[in-house]
C-alpha atoms as a PDB file:
ATOM      1  CA  UNK A   1     117.482  16.254  84.522  1.00  0.00           C
ATOM      2  CA  UNK A   2     115.446  14.992  86.635  1.00  0.00           C
ATOM      3  CA  UNK A   3     112.498  16.219  85.212  1.00  0.00           C
ATOM      4  CA  UNK A   4     113.341  13.814  81.546  1.00  0.00           C
ATOM      5  CA  UNK A   5     114.259  11.172  83.671  1.00  0.00           C
ATOM      6  CA  UNK A   6     110.800  11.555  85.470  1.00  0.00           C
ATOM      7  CA  UNK A   7     109.034  12.505  82.240  1.00  0.00           C
ATOM      8  CA  UNK A   8     111.188   8.777  81.198  1.00  0.00           C
ATOM      9  CA  UNK A   9     109.487   6.799  84.293  1.00  0.00           C
ATOM     10  CA  UNK A  10     105.745   7.876  83.796  1.00  0.00           C
ATOM     11  CA  UNK A  11     106.960   6.661  79.775  1.00  0.00           C
ATOM     12  CA  UNK A  12     106.856   3.884  81.084  1.00  0.00           C
ATOM     13  CA  UNK A  13     104.787   2.829  84.073  1.00  0.00           C
ATOM     14  CA  UNK A  14     102.335   4.300  81.607  1.00  0.00           C
ATOM     15  CA  UNK A  15     103.318   1.479  78.891  1.00  0.00           C
ATOM     16  CA  UNK A  16     102.944  -1.145  81.887  1.00  0.00           C
ATOM     17  CA  UNK A  17      99.111   0.088  82.934  1.00  0.00           C
ATOM     18  CA  UNK A  18      97.736   0.358  79.251  1.00  0.00           C
ATOM     19  CA  UNK A  19      95.727  -2.570  78.835  1.00  0.00           C
ATOM     20  CA  UNK A  20      94.446  -2.992  83.182  1.00  0.00           C
ATOM     21  CA  UNK A  21      91.157  -4.255  82.185  1.00  0.00           C
ATOM     22  CA  UNK A  22      90.818  -2.767  86.393  1.00  0.00           C
ATOM     23  CA  UNK A  23      91.836   0.324  85.663  1.00  0.00           C
ATOM     24  CA  UNK A  24      90.153   0.488  81.712  1.00  0.00           C
ATOM     25  CA  UNK A  25      87.252  -0.551  84.878  1.00  0.00           C
ATOM     26  CA  UNK A  26      87.927   1.768  87.076  1.00  0.00           C
ATOM     27  CA  UNK A  27      87.768   4.382  84.207  1.00  0.00           C
ATOM     28  CA  UNK A  28      84.448   3.935  83.077  1.00  0.00           C
ATOM     29  CA  UNK A  29      83.084   4.460  86.274  1.00  0.00           C
ATOM     30  CA  UNK A  30      84.572   6.952  87.862  1.00  0.00           C
ATOM     31  CA  UNK A  31      82.102  10.098  87.855  1.00  0.00           C
ATOM     32  CA  UNK A  32      80.438   7.086  89.865  1.00  0.00           C
ATOM     33  CA  UNK A  33      83.365   7.276  92.548  1.00  0.00           C
ATOM     34  CA  UNK A  34      84.304  11.148  92.319  1.00  0.00           C
ATOM     35  CA  UNK A  35      80.069  11.288  93.446  1.00  0.00           C
ATOM     36  CA  UNK A  36      79.577   8.980  96.351  1.00  0.00           C
ATOM     37  CA  UNK A  37      82.944   7.810  98.014  1.00  0.00           C
ATOM     38  CA  UNK A  38      82.872  10.838 100.191  1.00  0.00           C
ATOM     39  CA  UNK A  39      80.555   8.940 102.466  1.00  0.00           C
ATOM     40  CA  UNK A  40      81.138   5.391 101.690  1.00  0.00           C
ATOM     41  CA  UNK A  41      85.712   6.233 102.901  1.00  0.00           C
ATOM     42  CA  UNK A  42      83.495   7.410 106.130  1.00  0.00           C
ATOM     43  CA  UNK A  43      80.915   4.416 107.131  1.00  0.00           C
ATOM     44  CA  UNK A  44      83.905   2.170 105.986  1.00  0.00           C
ATOM     45  CA  UNK A  45      86.135   4.159 108.699  1.00  0.00           C
ATOM     46  CA  UNK A  46      83.432   4.594 111.096  1.00  0.00           C
ATOM     47  CA  UNK A  47      82.881   0.601 111.028  1.00  0.00           C
ATOM     48  CA  UNK A  48      86.485  -0.497 111.371  1.00  0.00           C
ATOM     49  CA  UNK A  49      87.017   1.633 114.211  1.00  0.00           C
ATOM     50  CA  UNK A  50      83.875   0.863 116.112  1.00  0.00           C
ATOM     51  CA  UNK A  51      85.385  -3.372 115.287  1.00  0.00           C
ATOM     52  CA  UNK A  52      88.401  -3.080 116.482  1.00  0.00           C
ATOM     53  CA  UNK A  53      87.962  -0.200 119.578  1.00  0.00           C
ATOM     54  CA  UNK A  54      89.936   1.955 117.552  1.00  0.00           C
ATOM     55  CA  UNK A  55      89.282   5.957 116.833  1.00  0.00           C
ATOM     56  CA  UNK A  56      88.649   7.150 113.303  1.00  0.00           C
ATOM     57  CA  UNK A  57      91.674   8.546 113.034  1.00  0.00           C
ATOM     58  CA  UNK A  58      94.008   5.983 114.504  1.00  0.00           C
ATOM     59  CA  UNK A  59      92.206   3.724 111.854  1.00  0.00           C
ATOM     60  CA  UNK A  60      92.999   6.353 108.989  1.00  0.00           C
ATOM     61  CA  UNK A  61      96.758   6.187 110.203  1.00  0.00           C
ATOM     62  CA  UNK A  62      96.723   2.749 109.731  1.00  0.00           C
ATOM     63  CA  UNK A  63      98.315   2.186 105.768  1.00  0.00           C
ATOM     64  CA  UNK A  64      97.483  -1.733 106.123  1.00  0.00           C
ATOM     65  CA  UNK A  65      93.682  -0.889 107.672  1.00  0.00           C
ATOM     66  CA  UNK A  66      93.326   2.092 105.698  1.00  0.00           C
ATOM     67  CA  UNK A  67      94.155   0.781 102.206  1.00  0.00           C
ATOM     68  CA  UNK A  68      91.689  -2.372 102.708  1.00  0.00           C
ATOM     69  CA  UNK A  69      89.376   0.098 103.022  1.00  0.00           C
ATOM     70  CA  UNK A  70      89.471   2.417  99.599  1.00  0.00           C
ATOM     71  CA  UNK A  71      89.907  -1.517  98.487  1.00  0.00           C
ATOM     72  CA  UNK A  72      86.512  -2.027  99.600  1.00  0.00           C
ATOM     73  CA  UNK A  73      84.472   1.547  98.971  1.00  0.00           C
ATOM     74  CA  UNK A  74      86.236   0.565  95.627  1.00  0.00           C
ATOM     75  CA  UNK A  75      84.232  -2.080  95.205  1.00  0.00           C
ATOM     76  CA  UNK A  76      81.210  -0.736  96.940  1.00  0.00           C
ATOM     77  CA  UNK A  77      81.529   2.029  94.281  1.00  0.00           C
ATOM     78  CA  UNK A  78      81.798  -0.623  91.390  1.00  0.00           C
ATOM     79  CA  UNK A  79      78.118  -2.217  92.895  1.00  0.00           C
ATOM     80  CA  UNK A  80      76.644   0.816  93.479  1.00  0.00           C
ATOM     81  CA  UNK A  81      77.631   1.555  89.593  1.00  0.00           C
ATOM     82  CA  UNK A  82      76.727  -1.685  88.158  1.00  0.00           C
ATOM     83  CA  UNK A  83      72.553  -1.939  90.425  1.00  0.00           C
ATOM     84  CA  UNK A  84      72.645   2.323  88.800  1.00  0.00           C
ATOM     85  CA  UNK A  85      73.298   0.704  84.983  1.00  0.00           C
ATOM     86  CA  UNK A  86      70.822  -1.789  85.252  1.00  0.00           C
ATOM     87  CA  UNK A  87      68.122   0.247  86.658  1.00  0.00           C
ATOM     88  CA  UNK A  88      68.950   3.859  86.217  1.00  0.00           C
ATOM     89  CA  UNK A  89      71.257   4.464  83.327  1.00  0.00           C
ATOM     90  CA  UNK A  90      69.843   7.857  81.960  1.00  0.00           C
ATOM     91  CA  UNK A  91      71.271   8.510  85.015  1.00  0.00           C
ATOM     92  CA  UNK A  92      75.217   7.945  84.624  1.00  0.00           C
ATOM     93  CA  UNK A  93      74.151   9.063  80.841  1.00  0.00           C
ATOM     94  CA  UNK A  94      74.027   5.629  79.654  1.00  0.00           C
ATOM     95  CA  UNK A  95      71.115   5.031  77.218  1.00  0.00           C
ATOM     96  CA  UNK A  96      69.398   2.803  75.642  1.00  0.00           C
END
């Protein structure tokens, strides 16, 4: 019974986010995000930890700071995608 409730819940959620432009964008650039998010995230954590005079572990453990860093990381990945698409689209399998 609980499995059916979980399946029904996932179907409802998927129907609600079906037309989300943001999720569609991140889906299109997911290969690039996979490749570059790690270093970008680490750099963002270090910058925030220096700015707030906290350790990197303290920054990662703070939920609001972590969500802010994730948002900025995704924004940076989106900007990098746009630059790559304009300069070297073949790197991402795009053809003119």
